[in-house]
Amino acid sequence: MGTTAVKITRKGQVTIPREIREELNANAVYFEVANGIVMVKPVRDAAGSLKEYARTVKPGISMKRMKDRAWEEAVREKRGKKSS
């Protein structure tokens, strides 16, 4: 896959072209900026992270909070950082 230019809407949204979505094979992505270059990287295993948190559910923790924590963990794993 080569390069593709897409328009950024007033709301800051872009559409990832189908060919790129198929290449990434992921339902979610995260953005990384290094030296002025924006990289879009797939987050492939958010469901696996959610399963891990589901096993350690504590009373009073909402599903939204659990999901947010799982996404944060998945991004940290992709970036190679240890969880806090």
C-alpha atoms as a PDB file:
ATOM      1  CA  MET A   1       0.000   0.000   0.000  1.00  0.00           C
ATOM      2  CA  GLY A   2       1.360   3.385  -0.930  1.00  0.00           C
ATOM      3  CA  THR A   3       0.362   6.746   0.460  1.00  0.00           C
ATOM      4  CA  THR A   4      -3.126   8.191   0.411  1.00  0.00           C
ATOM      5  CA  ALA A   5      -4.251  11.756   1.091  1.00  0.00           C
ATOM      6  CA  VAL A   6      -7.517  12.271   2.968  1.00  0.00           C
ATOM      7  CA  LYS A   7      -9.363  15.386   4.054  1.00  0.00           C
ATOM      8  CA  ILE A   8      -9.562  16.378   7.719  1.00  0.00           C
ATOM      9  CA  THR A   9     -13.075  17.588   8.585  1.00  0.00           C
ATOM     10  CA  ARG A  10     -13.801  20.643  10.723  1.00  0.00           C
ATOM     11  CA  LYS A  11     -14.326  18.238  13.620  1.00  0.00           C
ATOM     12  CA  GLY A  12     -10.848  16.792  13.106  1.00  0.00           C
ATOM     13  CA  GLN A  13     -12.112  13.529  11.656  1.00  0.00           C
ATOM     14  CA  VAL A  14     -10.631  11.504   8.824  1.00  0.00           C
ATOM     15  CA  THR A  15     -11.845   8.420   7.014  1.00  0.00           C
ATOM     16  CA  ILE A  16      -9.297   5.646   6.810  1.00  0.00           C
ATOM     17  CA  PRO A  17      -9.473   4.268   3.250  1.00  0.00           C
ATOM     18  CA  ARG A  18     -10.849   0.722   2.952  1.00  0.00           C
ATOM     19  CA  GLU A  19      -7.561  -0.689   1.625  1.00  0.00           C
ATOM     20  CA  ILE A  20      -5.712   0.594   4.684  1.00  0.00           C
ATOM     21  CA  ARG A  21      -8.422  -0.656   7.097  1.00  0.00           C
ATOM     22  CA  GLU A  22      -8.187  -4.092   5.490  1.00  0.00           C
ATOM     23  CA  GLU A  23      -4.395  -4.023   5.760  1.00  0.00           C
ATOM     24  CA  LEU A  24      -4.556  -3.061   9.450  1.00  0.00           C
ATOM     25  CA  ASN A  25      -7.161  -5.757  10.196  1.00  0.00           C
ATOM     26  CA  ALA A  26      -8.222  -3.995  13.401  1.00  0.00           C
ATOM     27  CA  ASN A  27     -11.339  -2.364  14.838  1.00  0.00           C
ATOM     28  CA  ALA A  28      -9.420   0.400  16.584  1.00  0.00           C
ATOM     29  CA  VAL A  29      -6.267   2.423  16.015  1.00  0.00           C
ATOM     30  CA  TYR A  30      -4.103   4.769  17.999  1.00  0.00           C
ATOM     31  CA  PHE A  31      -2.078   7.703  16.757  1.00  0.00           C
ATOM     32  CA  GLU A  32       1.592   8.194  17.475  1.00  0.00           C
ATOM     33  CA  VAL A  33       3.600  11.284  16.568  1.00  0.00           C
ATOM     34  CA  ALA A  34       7.376  11.126  16.187  1.00  0.00           C
ATOM     35  CA  ASN A  35       9.526  13.832  14.628  1.00  0.00           C
ATOM     36  CA  GLY A  36       6.502  15.508  13.055  1.00  0.00           C
ATOM     37  CA  ILE A  37       5.245  12.275  11.455  1.00  0.00           C
ATOM     38  CA  VAL A  38       1.836  10.896  12.428  1.00  0.00           C
ATOM     39  CA  MET A  39       1.590   7.109  12.509  1.00  0.00           C
ATOM     40  CA  VAL A  40      -1.686   5.210  12.708  1.00  0.00           C
ATOM     41  CA  LYS A  41      -1.198   1.862  14.431  1.00  0.00           C
ATOM     42  CA  PRO A  42      -3.706  -0.921  15.008  1.00  0.00           C
ATOM     43  CA  VAL A  43      -4.957  -1.958  18.430  1.00  0.00           C
ATOM     44  CA  ARG A  44      -5.728  -5.591  17.785  1.00  0.00           C
ATOM     45  CA  ASP A  45      -6.385  -7.114  21.181  1.00  0.00           C
ATOM     46  CA  ALA A  46      -8.676  -4.855  23.172  1.00  0.00           C
ATOM     47  CA  ALA A  47     -11.044  -7.787  23.737  1.00  0.00           C
ATOM     48  CA  GLY A  48      -8.231  -9.761  25.342  1.00  0.00           C
ATOM     49  CA  SER A  49      -7.496  -6.892  27.685  1.00  0.00           C
ATOM     50  CA  LEU A  50     -11.191  -6.652  28.595  1.00  0.00           C
ATOM     51  CA  LYS A  51     -11.237 -10.370  29.468  1.00  0.00           C
ATOM     52  CA  GLU A  52      -8.284  -9.848  31.814  1.00  0.00           C
ATOM     53  CA  TYR A  53     -10.079  -7.024  33.625  1.00  0.00           C
ATOM     54  CA  ALA A  54     -13.352  -8.968  33.716  1.00  0.00           C
ATOM     55  CA  ARG A  55     -11.622 -11.671  35.778  1.00  0.00           C
ATOM     56  CA  THR A  56     -10.579  -9.111  38.372  1.00  0.00           C
ATOM     57  CA  VAL A  57     -13.787  -7.092  38.565  1.00  0.00           C
ATOM     58  CA  LYS A  58     -14.294  -5.327  41.857  1.00  0.00           C
ATOM     59  CA  PRO A  59     -17.744  -4.340  43.056  1.00  0.00           C
ATOM     60  CA  GLY A  60     -18.595  -0.761  42.170  1.00  0.00           C
ATOM     61  CA  ILE A  61     -16.399  -0.519  39.032  1.00  0.00           C
ATOM     62  CA  SER A  62     -18.529   0.388  36.024  1.00  0.00           C
ATOM     63  CA  MET A  63     -18.204  -1.411  32.707  1.00  0.00           C
ATOM     64  CA  LYS A  64     -17.203   1.918  31.120  1.00  0.00           C
ATOM     65  CA  ARG A  65     -14.338   2.359  33.595  1.00  0.00           C
ATOM     66  CA  MET A  66     -13.260  -1.228  33.034  1.00  0.00           C
ATOM     67  CA  LYS A  67     -13.332  -0.700  29.251  1.00  0.00           C
ATOM     68  CA  ASP A  68     -11.354   2.565  29.536  1.00  0.00           C
ATOM     69  CA  ARG A  69      -8.709   0.838  31.659  1.00  0.00           C
ATOM     70  CA  ALA A  70      -8.462  -2.030  29.157  1.00  0.00           C
ATOM     71  CA  TRP A  71      -7.961   0.401  26.248  1.00  0.00           C
ATOM     72  CA  GLU A  72      -5.268   2.242  28.191  1.00  0.00           C
ATOM     73  CA  GLU A  73      -3.531  -1.069  28.883  1.00  0.00           C
ATOM     74  CA  ALA A  74      -3.767  -2.164  25.240  1.00  0.00           C
ATOM     75  CA  VAL A  75      -2.200   1.103  24.074  1.00  0.00           C
ATOM     76  CA  ARG A  76       0.578   0.814  26.679  1.00  0.00           C
ATOM     77  CA  GLU A  77       1.283  -2.748  25.526  1.00  0.00           C
ATOM     78  CA  LYS A  78       1.500  -1.611  21.903  1.00  0.00           C
ATOM     79  CA  ARG A  79       3.888   1.178  22.848  1.00  0.00           C
ATOM     80  CA  GLY A  80       5.997  -1.230  24.886  1.00  0.00           C
ATOM     81  CA  LYS A  81       5.407   0.521  28.206  1.00  0.00           C
ATOM     82  CA  LYS A  82       4.644  -1.239  31.451  1.00  0.00           C
ATOM     83  CA  SER A  83       1.290  -0.632  33.096  1.00  0.00           C
ATOM     84  CA  SER A  84       1.032   1.675  36.066  1.00  0.00           C
END
